[in-house]
Amino acid sequence: MHLFLRLLSCFVLLYAGIGASHAQPSSKEMDLRQLWNELKIINPQLSALRESYLSAKATVPQIAAPANPQLGLVWSGMPANSPLALGAANNNMSGNNSISIAQPFQFPGKRGLAAEIADTSAESLLAQSESNYLQLGAQLSTLYYSALSAQKQLLVLKEMITRFELIKNVSRARYANNAAAYVEFLNTQVAQNAAIAEQFNLEKQLQIAYRNINLLIGRDPREKIALSGNIQQAIRNVPTLIELENYAESSHPLLRSSQLDLDAARKGVSLAKKAYLPDFQVIGSSYTPRGPFAPNNGALFYQLEFDIVIPLYFFMKEKYGVEQAVRKQAAVEATNISTRQQIILGVSSSYTVYEQTKNRMQFLRDSQLPQADAAYKVALTQYSNNGQGFNDLLTAQNQLRVLQSQLTIAESDLLQAYSVLMVSAGREPF
């Protein structure tokens, strides 16, 4: 018993050393919120969407601006000795010189409505960008919690290797006292080496996870990264399903984008109907008539002209423009309904997955793992005291390790499910 207590003390010291080395801060530790912030800033896909939005917004003042005026300069003349000349003036030329300015005008309301449609469409792009940000964030959360899970599994493996070292010491001592067979020591060594090999594989997987996080964010995949966070953190104040559905219906960016598209389509119908209304043009000009038949030869005259562009062939053009706009509105309305249904279905499905994952995690944490831990301690005590139950000890050790890993994965799955649930409702997971 004294030997067992001494070895157990060594195990505690080794375990504390592993925990301390694992807890050493890295030069660039980042939690989930910090990763999301970087994602929003430097992800190239999100950057492209932001630039597309700004580009669309830049079209609004262009559409709202009046049409450019047209300046015309006409000089006409013919030599007096030409057979086609109507006669000579005092400058020996026959003809007119004129300057004109023409300003087109759309029917009141057309230009403003077109600008509103462009602005609404731009805001729809912004909402789409927010939706893409949430979707990419959900992927980032999955990578983040998977990496945290791998970090904790790595710690569990190191603890397991330490426990194997304890068992090796016990079997070595018992073998030295002729109280156990040497094969027990060898079997423990084999099991420990297998755990060490698994540790190497897990470390490699963790490096791949870091690389994928960097790639998703938009950084150099080789950049050093360290993750902070607790895989065992409690999730508090999870909204009810009804609350999440209501939030999604009112605030989900994808649904907001769809509603903006619908508003733009409805305004498009109004604009198409305004095509039946005429447009205008005002022309102001000055001219100087010259020739024998021109009154006040050489004097300066002014002229104001008002033109109307009549949609004469409305039955061939404007009529079908209205039909096109109406059909587009109907299509967007159907898409809006479908989007709403898909979002609500996504929230419901994500909530079900979250609840199932939470129940599985709680069962592992509160029932299976304590039983496995108790079985391991009993087997270790029995083997240390009387050398019996070596195979039972290895079995208990392996079962404890399996359940510890399963719990770590279940905790990670729960946090991933929570992030997906929040994103499905159109919210950030923090």
Protein backbone atom coordinates (compact mmCIF):
# COMPACT_ATOMS: atom_id res chain seq x y z
CA MET A 1 0.00 0.00 0.00
CA HIS A 2 2.89 2.32 0.76
CA LEU A 3 4.27 1.67 -2.74
CA PHE A 4 0.91 2.49 -4.28
CA LEU A 5 0.68 5.82 -2.41
CA ARG A 6 4.19 6.79 -3.44
CA LEU A 7 3.49 5.98 -7.10
CA LEU A 8 0.18 7.79 -6.94
CA SER A 9 1.99 10.90 -5.69
CA CYS A 10 4.34 10.70 -8.68
CA PHE A 11 1.35 10.42 -10.97
CA VAL A 12 -0.18 13.59 -9.47
CA LEU A 13 3.05 15.50 -9.97
CA LEU A 14 3.36 14.34 -13.56
CA TYR A 15 -0.27 15.26 -14.25
CA ALA A 16 0.27 18.73 -12.83
CA GLY A 17 3.31 19.15 -15.06
CA ILE A 18 1.31 18.21 -18.14
CA GLY A 19 -1.44 20.66 -17.24
CA ALA A 20 1.07 23.45 -16.69
CA SER A 21 2.81 22.88 -19.98
CA HIS A 22 -0.52 22.81 -21.80
CA ALA A 23 -1.64 26.04 -20.17
CA GLN A 24 1.41 28.03 -21.25
CA PRO A 25 0.17 31.02 -23.20
CA SER A 26 1.06 31.41 -26.81
CA SER A 27 2.22 34.62 -28.37
CA LYS A 28 -0.96 34.89 -30.42
CA GLU A 29 -3.86 33.25 -28.63
CA MET A 30 -7.28 33.97 -30.06
CA ASP A 31 -10.77 33.12 -28.91
CA LEU A 32 -13.81 32.60 -31.11
CA ARG A 33 -14.94 36.23 -31.06
CA GLN A 34 -11.49 37.42 -32.15
CA LEU A 35 -11.46 34.90 -34.98
CA TRP A 36 -14.88 36.09 -36.17
CA ASN A 37 -13.67 39.70 -36.12
CA GLU A 38 -10.67 38.82 -38.26
CA LEU A 39 -12.89 36.83 -40.59
CA LYS A 40 -15.11 39.87 -41.14
CA ILE A 41 -12.13 42.11 -41.92
CA ILE A 42 -9.81 40.06 -44.12
CA ASN A 43 -11.79 37.19 -45.63
CA PRO A 44 -11.52 37.74 -49.42
CA GLN A 45 -15.06 36.55 -50.12
CA LEU A 46 -16.52 39.02 -47.65
CA SER A 47 -14.23 41.76 -48.96
CA ALA A 48 -15.53 41.12 -52.48
CA LEU A 49 -19.13 41.35 -51.26
CA ARG A 50 -18.44 44.63 -49.46
CA GLU A 51 -16.90 46.11 -52.60
CA SER A 52 -19.88 44.91 -54.65
CA TYR A 53 -22.20 46.67 -52.21
CA LEU A 54 -20.22 49.91 -52.37
CA SER A 55 -20.17 49.66 -56.14
CA ALA A 56 -23.95 49.24 -56.21
CA LYS A 57 -24.43 52.21 -53.87
CA ALA A 58 -22.29 54.33 -56.19
CA THR A 59 -24.83 53.80 -58.97
CA VAL A 60 -27.65 55.42 -56.99
CA PRO A 61 -26.56 59.08 -57.36
CA GLN A 62 -25.77 58.40 -61.01
CA ILE A 63 -29.33 57.25 -61.64
CA ALA A 64 -30.78 60.11 -59.59
CA ALA A 65 -28.77 62.73 -61.48
CA PRO A 66 -30.50 64.56 -64.37
CA ALA A 67 -29.56 63.77 -67.95
CA ASN A 68 -26.66 65.71 -69.38
CA PRO A 69 -27.58 68.70 -71.57
CA GLN A 70 -26.59 68.70 -75.24
CA LEU A 71 -24.84 71.67 -76.82
CA GLY A 72 -25.18 72.17 -80.57
CA LEU A 73 -23.35 74.54 -82.92
CA VAL A 74 -24.51 74.88 -86.50
CA TRP A 75 -22.80 76.92 -89.17
CA SER A 76 -24.17 76.81 -92.66
CA GLY A 77 -23.28 78.88 -95.62
CA MET A 78 -22.88 78.89 -99.35
CA PRO A 79 -20.86 81.18 -101.61
CA ALA A 80 -22.91 83.86 -103.34
CA ASN A 81 -21.87 82.75 -106.79
CA SER A 82 -23.10 79.20 -106.20
CA PRO A 83 -26.07 78.19 -108.41
CA LEU A 84 -27.85 76.97 -105.28
CA ALA A 85 -27.34 80.18 -103.34
CA LEU A 86 -30.52 82.06 -102.68
CA GLY A 87 -28.76 85.35 -102.83
CA ALA A 88 -25.92 87.19 -101.26
CA ALA A 89 -25.84 89.00 -98.04
CA ASN A 90 -23.47 91.68 -96.99
CA ASN A 91 -20.85 89.06 -96.29
CA ASN A 92 -21.27 87.39 -99.65
CA MET A 93 -22.67 84.25 -97.99
CA SER A 94 -26.13 82.72 -97.86
CA GLY A 95 -27.14 80.59 -94.80
CA ASN A 96 -27.80 80.43 -91.05
CA ASN A 97 -25.58 80.21 -87.98
CA SER A 98 -27.10 78.83 -84.75
CA ILE A 99 -26.27 77.70 -81.21
CA SER A 100 -28.60 75.37 -79.26
CA ILE A 101 -28.83 73.76 -75.85
CA ALA A 102 -31.09 70.74 -75.37
CA GLN A 103 -32.08 69.35 -71.96
CA PRO A 104 -33.96 66.01 -71.79
CA PHE A 105 -36.40 65.45 -68.89
CA GLN A 106 -38.01 62.23 -67.74
CA PHE A 107 -41.60 62.31 -66.59
CA PRO A 108 -41.68 63.37 -62.91
CA GLY A 109 -41.12 60.41 -60.59
CA LYS A 110 -39.36 58.09 -63.05
CA ARG A 111 -35.80 58.98 -62.12
CA GLY A 112 -36.43 59.04 -58.39
CA LEU A 113 -38.15 55.66 -58.50
CA ALA A 114 -35.30 54.16 -60.51
CA ALA A 115 -32.84 55.50 -57.90
CA GLU A 116 -34.91 53.95 -55.10
CA ILE A 117 -34.83 50.58 -56.87
CA ALA A 118 -31.05 50.78 -57.23
CA ASP A 119 -30.63 51.73 -53.57
CA THR A 120 -32.92 48.91 -52.42
CA SER A 121 -31.00 46.40 -54.53
CA ALA A 122 -27.73 47.65 -53.03
CA GLU A 123 -29.05 47.17 -49.49
CA SER A 124 -30.09 43.66 -50.50
CA LEU A 125 -26.47 42.96 -51.43
CA LEU A 126 -25.38 44.18 -48.00
CA ALA A 127 -27.85 41.84 -46.30
CA GLN A 128 -26.55 38.98 -48.45
CA SER A 129 -23.04 39.87 -47.33
CA GLU A 130 -24.13 39.65 -43.69
CA SER A 131 -25.69 36.24 -44.36
CA ASN A 132 -22.48 35.01 -45.98
CA TYR A 133 -20.54 36.29 -43.00
CA LEU A 134 -22.70 34.22 -40.66
CA GLN A 135 -22.33 31.10 -42.80
CA LEU A 136 -18.56 31.47 -42.94
CA GLY A 137 -18.60 32.14 -39.21
CA ALA A 138 -20.46 28.88 -38.62
CA GLN A 139 -17.74 27.04 -40.56
CA LEU A 140 -15.12 28.87 -38.52
CA SER A 141 -16.86 27.88 -35.27
CA THR A 142 -16.84 24.24 -36.33
CA LEU A 143 -13.10 24.38 -37.06
CA TYR A 144 -12.45 26.27 -33.84
CA TYR A 145 -14.29 23.86 -31.54
CA SER A 146 -12.87 20.86 -33.39
CA ALA A 147 -9.39 22.25 -32.78
CA LEU A 148 -10.16 22.89 -29.10
CA SER A 149 -11.46 19.33 -28.89
CA ALA A 150 -8.24 18.03 -30.43
CA GLN A 151 -6.24 20.10 -27.95
CA LYS A 152 -8.16 18.57 -25.04
CA GLN A 153 -7.93 15.06 -26.51
CA LEU A 154 -4.21 15.59 -26.73
CA LEU A 155 -4.16 16.43 -23.05
CA VAL A 156 -6.25 13.33 -22.29
CA LEU A 157 -3.73 11.23 -24.22
CA LYS A 158 -0.87 12.71 -22.23
CA GLU A 159 -2.74 11.90 -19.04
CA MET A 160 -3.27 8.37 -20.30
CA ILE A 161 0.42 8.01 -21.10
CA THR A 162 1.19 9.18 -17.57
CA ARG A 163 -1.22 6.60 -16.14
CA PHE A 164 0.49 3.92 -18.20
CA GLU A 165 3.76 5.06 -16.68
CA LEU A 166 2.23 4.59 -13.25
CA ILE A 167 1.04 1.09 -14.16
CA LYS A 168 4.50 0.27 -15.59
CA ASN A 169 6.11 1.32 -12.34
CA VAL A 170 3.72 -0.82 -10.32
CA SER A 171 4.24 -3.87 -12.56
CA ARG A 172 8.02 -3.34 -12.57
CA ALA A 173 8.07 -3.21 -8.79
CA ARG A 174 5.92 -6.28 -8.49
CA TYR A 175 8.10 -8.13 -11.01
CA ALA A 176 11.21 -7.19 -9.01
CA ASN A 177 9.57 -8.74 -5.96
CA ASN A 178 8.55 -11.84 -7.98
CA ALA A 179 4.95 -10.89 -7.45
CA ALA A 180 4.05 -10.47 -11.14
CA ALA A 181 5.01 -11.76 -14.57
CA TYR A 182 7.26 -9.62 -16.79
CA VAL A 183 4.66 -9.84 -19.56
CA GLU A 184 2.48 -7.43 -17.59
CA PHE A 185 5.19 -4.79 -17.84
CA LEU A 186 5.62 -5.49 -21.55
CA ASN A 187 1.90 -5.28 -22.27
CA THR A 188 1.74 -1.95 -20.48
CA GLN A 189 4.71 -0.72 -22.52
CA VAL A 190 2.97 -1.76 -25.75
CA ALA A 191 -0.22 0.05 -24.75
CA GLN A 192 1.77 3.14 -23.81
CA ASN A 193 3.63 3.17 -27.13
CA ALA A 194 0.31 2.90 -28.98
CA ALA A 195 -0.94 5.94 -27.08
CA ILE A 196 2.25 7.84 -27.94
CA ALA A 197 1.76 7.01 -31.63
CA GLU A 198 -1.83 8.23 -31.40
CA GLN A 199 -0.54 11.42 -29.80
CA PHE A 200 1.69 12.09 -32.82
CA ASN A 201 -1.27 11.60 -35.18
CA LEU A 202 -3.46 13.91 -33.12
CA GLU A 203 -0.77 16.60 -33.12
CA LYS A 204 -0.63 16.35 -36.91
CA GLN A 205 -4.42 16.69 -37.15
CA LEU A 206 -4.26 19.74 -34.91
CA GLN A 207 -1.74 21.41 -37.20
CA ILE A 208 -4.06 20.76 -40.15
CA ALA A 209 -6.93 22.32 -38.17
CA TYR A 210 -4.84 25.43 -37.52
CA ARG A 211 -4.02 25.64 -41.21
CA ASN A 212 -7.69 25.37 -42.20
CA ILE A 213 -8.64 28.12 -39.74
CA ASN A 214 -6.04 30.41 -41.25
CA LEU A 215 -7.25 29.64 -44.77
CA LEU A 216 -10.88 30.30 -43.93
CA ILE A 217 -10.07 33.60 -42.27
CA GLY A 218 -7.94 34.66 -45.22
CA ARG A 219 -4.50 34.55 -43.62
CA ASP A 220 -1.35 32.78 -44.67
CA PRO A 221 -1.97 29.11 -43.80
CA ARG A 222 1.55 28.86 -42.38
CA GLU A 223 0.95 31.65 -39.88
CA LYS A 224 1.32 30.60 -36.26
CA ILE A 225 -1.91 30.46 -34.33
CA ALA A 226 -2.97 29.42 -30.86
CA LEU A 227 -6.53 29.04 -29.67
CA SER A 228 -7.85 30.04 -26.29
CA GLY A 229 -11.13 28.85 -24.90
CA ASN A 230 -12.67 26.15 -22.78
CA ILE A 231 -14.33 23.21 -24.48
CA GLN A 232 -16.25 22.64 -21.24
CA GLN A 233 -17.71 26.14 -21.12
CA ALA A 234 -21.35 26.20 -20.15
CA ILE A 235 -23.93 27.42 -22.63
CA ARG A 236 -26.37 29.57 -20.76
CA ASN A 237 -29.52 31.38 -21.68
CA VAL A 238 -30.20 29.45 -24.87
CA PRO A 239 -33.38 30.95 -26.35
CA THR A 240 -36.42 28.77 -26.85
CA LEU A 241 -37.35 27.49 -30.28
CA ILE A 242 -40.23 29.98 -30.58
CA GLU A 243 -37.93 32.88 -29.64
CA LEU A 244 -35.37 31.84 -32.24
CA GLU A 245 -38.00 31.43 -34.94
CA ASN A 246 -39.44 34.86 -34.18
CA TYR A 247 -35.98 36.40 -34.27
CA ALA A 248 -35.22 34.70 -37.58
CA GLU A 249 -38.43 35.96 -39.15
CA SER A 250 -37.69 39.53 -38.09
CA SER A 251 -33.93 39.81 -38.32
CA HIS A 252 -32.33 37.08 -40.42
CA PRO A 253 -30.15 38.86 -43.02
CA LEU A 254 -31.06 36.40 -45.78
CA LEU A 255 -34.75 37.01 -45.20
CA ARG A 256 -34.09 40.73 -45.01
CA SER A 257 -32.30 40.52 -48.36
CA SER A 258 -35.23 38.62 -49.83
CA GLN A 259 -37.67 41.24 -48.53
CA LEU A 260 -35.57 44.03 -50.04
CA ASP A 261 -35.57 42.19 -53.37
CA LEU A 262 -39.36 42.01 -53.12
CA ASP A 263 -39.58 45.75 -52.42
CA ALA A 264 -37.36 46.44 -55.42
CA ALA A 265 -39.53 44.19 -57.61
CA ARG A 266 -42.71 46.01 -56.54
CA LYS A 267 -41.11 49.36 -57.31
CA GLY A 268 -40.03 47.88 -60.63
CA VAL A 269 -43.68 47.29 -61.51
CA SER A 270 -44.49 50.92 -60.70
CA LEU A 271 -41.57 52.09 -62.82
CA ALA A 272 -42.63 49.88 -65.71
CA LYS A 273 -46.13 51.41 -65.61
CA LYS A 274 -44.62 54.89 -65.70
CA ALA A 275 -43.13 53.99 -69.08
CA TYR A 276 -46.60 54.75 -70.50
CA LEU A 277 -46.01 58.38 -69.56
CA PRO A 278 -44.12 60.64 -72.00
CA ASP A 279 -40.67 62.13 -71.54
CA PHE A 280 -39.71 65.66 -72.55
CA GLN A 281 -36.98 67.70 -74.08
CA VAL A 282 -36.48 71.45 -73.99
CA ILE A 283 -34.28 73.08 -76.63
CA GLY A 284 -33.16 76.70 -76.53
CA SER A 285 -31.34 78.10 -79.55
CA SER A 286 -30.19 81.33 -81.13
CA TYR A 287 -29.54 81.88 -84.83
CA THR A 288 -28.65 84.50 -87.39
CA PRO A 289 -30.44 84.25 -90.75
CA ARG A 290 -28.62 85.44 -93.81
CA GLY A 291 -29.83 85.67 -97.38
CA PRO A 292 -32.07 87.78 -99.64
CA PHE A 293 -35.26 86.20 -98.33
CA ALA A 294 -34.33 86.47 -94.65
CA PRO A 295 -36.11 89.22 -92.73
CA ASN A 296 -33.78 91.39 -90.74
CA ASN A 297 -30.81 89.93 -92.56
CA GLY A 298 -27.97 89.34 -90.12
CA ALA A 299 -29.99 89.99 -86.97
CA LEU A 300 -29.86 87.65 -83.95
CA PHE A 301 -32.99 85.60 -83.19
CA TYR A 302 -33.90 83.30 -80.27
CA GLN A 303 -35.99 80.13 -80.28
CA LEU A 304 -37.43 77.85 -77.58
CA GLU A 305 -38.55 74.35 -78.49
CA PHE A 306 -40.49 71.86 -76.37
CA ASP A 307 -40.48 68.20 -77.48
CA ILE A 308 -42.52 65.27 -76.16
CA VAL A 309 -41.39 61.65 -76.53
CA ILE A 310 -44.68 59.80 -77.02
CA PRO A 311 -44.78 56.03 -76.20
CA LEU A 312 -46.79 55.51 -79.35
CA TYR A 313 -46.07 51.82 -79.70
CA PHE A 314 -46.93 50.96 -76.09
CA PHE A 315 -48.75 47.82 -77.21
CA MET A 316 -45.43 46.47 -78.55
CA LYS A 317 -43.00 47.71 -75.90
CA GLU A 318 -44.30 49.23 -72.67
CA LYS A 319 -47.08 46.66 -72.37
CA TYR A 320 -44.57 43.81 -72.25
CA GLY A 321 -42.29 45.76 -69.98
CA VAL A 322 -45.07 45.89 -67.41
CA GLU A 323 -45.80 42.19 -67.88
CA GLN A 324 -42.12 41.39 -67.37
CA ALA A 325 -42.01 43.42 -64.16
CA VAL A 326 -45.19 41.81 -62.82
CA ARG A 327 -43.85 38.32 -63.51
CA LYS A 328 -40.58 39.18 -61.83
CA GLN A 329 -42.45 40.40 -58.78
CA ALA A 330 -44.41 37.14 -58.63
CA ALA A 331 -41.19 35.13 -58.86
CA VAL A 332 -39.55 37.17 -56.10
CA GLU A 333 -42.65 36.76 -53.89
CA ALA A 334 -42.46 32.98 -54.31
CA THR A 335 -38.73 33.06 -53.54
CA ASN A 336 -39.41 35.15 -50.44
CA ILE A 337 -41.94 32.61 -49.16
CA SER A 338 -39.55 29.75 -49.88
CA THR A 339 -36.68 31.55 -48.13
CA ARG A 340 -38.83 32.15 -45.06
CA GLN A 341 -39.86 28.49 -44.94
CA GLN A 342 -36.28 27.27 -45.35
CA ILE A 343 -35.03 29.54 -42.59
CA ILE A 344 -37.72 28.43 -40.12
CA LEU A 345 -37.07 24.79 -41.05
CA GLY A 346 -33.35 25.33 -40.55
CA VAL A 347 -33.90 26.79 -37.10
CA SER A 348 -36.16 23.91 -36.10
CA SER A 349 -33.74 21.26 -37.38
CA SER A 350 -30.75 22.94 -35.74
CA TYR A 351 -32.61 23.17 -32.45
CA THR A 352 -33.38 19.44 -32.55
CA VAL A 353 -29.72 18.61 -33.23
CA TYR A 354 -28.66 20.89 -30.38
CA GLU A 355 -31.02 19.22 -27.89
CA GLN A 356 -29.93 15.72 -28.94
CA THR A 357 -26.26 16.66 -28.68
CA LYS A 358 -26.79 18.23 -25.26
CA ASN A 359 -28.52 15.09 -23.93
CA ARG A 360 -25.73 12.85 -25.24
CA MET A 361 -23.05 15.04 -23.69
CA GLN A 362 -24.83 15.17 -20.32
CA PHE A 363 -25.22 11.37 -20.25
CA LEU A 364 -21.52 10.87 -20.92
CA ARG A 365 -20.49 13.50 -18.38
CA ASP A 366 -22.87 12.63 -15.55
CA SER A 367 -23.19 8.85 -15.88
CA GLN A 368 -20.75 6.96 -18.07
CA LEU A 369 -17.51 8.79 -17.34
CA PRO A 370 -17.83 8.77 -13.49
CA GLN A 371 -18.52 5.03 -13.64
CA ALA A 372 -15.49 4.42 -15.86
CA ASP A 373 -13.29 6.54 -13.61
CA ALA A 374 -14.44 4.63 -10.53
CA ALA A 375 -13.82 1.29 -12.27
CA TYR A 376 -10.28 2.38 -13.19
CA LYS A 377 -9.47 3.48 -9.64
CA VAL A 378 -10.79 0.22 -8.19
CA ALA A 379 -8.79 -1.84 -10.71
CA LEU A 380 -5.64 0.19 -10.02
CA THR A 381 -6.02 -0.18 -6.26
CA GLN A 382 -6.66 -3.92 -6.54
CA TYR A 383 -3.66 -4.50 -8.80
CA SER A 384 -1.38 -2.37 -6.59
CA ASN A 385 -2.39 -4.19 -3.44
CA ASN A 386 -2.43 -7.83 -4.50
CA GLY A 387 -1.32 -7.97 -8.14
CA GLN A 388 -4.65 -9.29 -9.33
CA GLY A 389 -6.76 -8.00 -12.21
CA PHE A 390 -4.04 -6.75 -14.53
CA ASN A 391 -6.15 -7.29 -17.64
CA ASP A 392 -9.08 -5.66 -15.88
CA LEU A 393 -6.85 -2.67 -15.14
CA LEU A 394 -5.85 -2.26 -18.81
CA THR A 395 -9.46 -2.67 -19.90
CA ALA A 396 -10.62 -0.05 -17.39
CA GLN A 397 -7.84 2.28 -18.44
CA ASN A 398 -8.75 1.99 -22.13
CA GLN A 399 -12.46 2.38 -21.41
CA LEU A 400 -11.78 5.50 -19.35
CA ARG A 401 -9.69 6.98 -22.13
CA VAL A 402 -12.36 6.20 -24.76
CA LEU A 403 -15.09 7.83 -22.69
CA GLN A 404 -12.90 10.86 -21.95
CA SER A 405 -12.35 11.32 -25.67
CA GLN A 406 -16.04 10.79 -26.40
CA LEU A 407 -16.95 13.42 -23.81
CA THR A 408 -14.48 15.87 -25.30
CA ILE A 409 -15.93 15.29 -28.76
CA ALA A 410 -19.50 15.54 -27.40
CA GLU A 411 -18.67 18.89 -25.73
CA SER A 412 -17.21 20.12 -28.98
CA ASP A 413 -20.24 18.87 -30.91
CA LEU A 414 -22.54 20.68 -28.48
CA LEU A 415 -20.75 24.00 -28.95
CA GLN A 416 -20.72 23.49 -32.71
CA ALA A 417 -24.45 22.72 -32.63
CA TYR A 418 -25.04 25.85 -30.58
CA SER A 419 -23.13 27.98 -33.10
CA VAL A 420 -25.05 26.47 -36.01
CA LEU A 421 -28.32 27.07 -34.15
CA MET A 422 -27.55 30.74 -33.58
CA VAL A 423 -26.41 31.23 -37.18
CA SER A 424 -29.53 29.50 -38.51
CA ALA A 425 -31.55 32.15 -36.66
CA GLY A 426 -29.36 34.92 -38.07
CA ARG A 427 -27.31 35.63 -34.92
CA GLU A 428 -23.68 35.46 -33.92
CA PRO A 429 -22.97 32.69 -31.38
CA PHE A 430 -21.68 35.03 -28.67
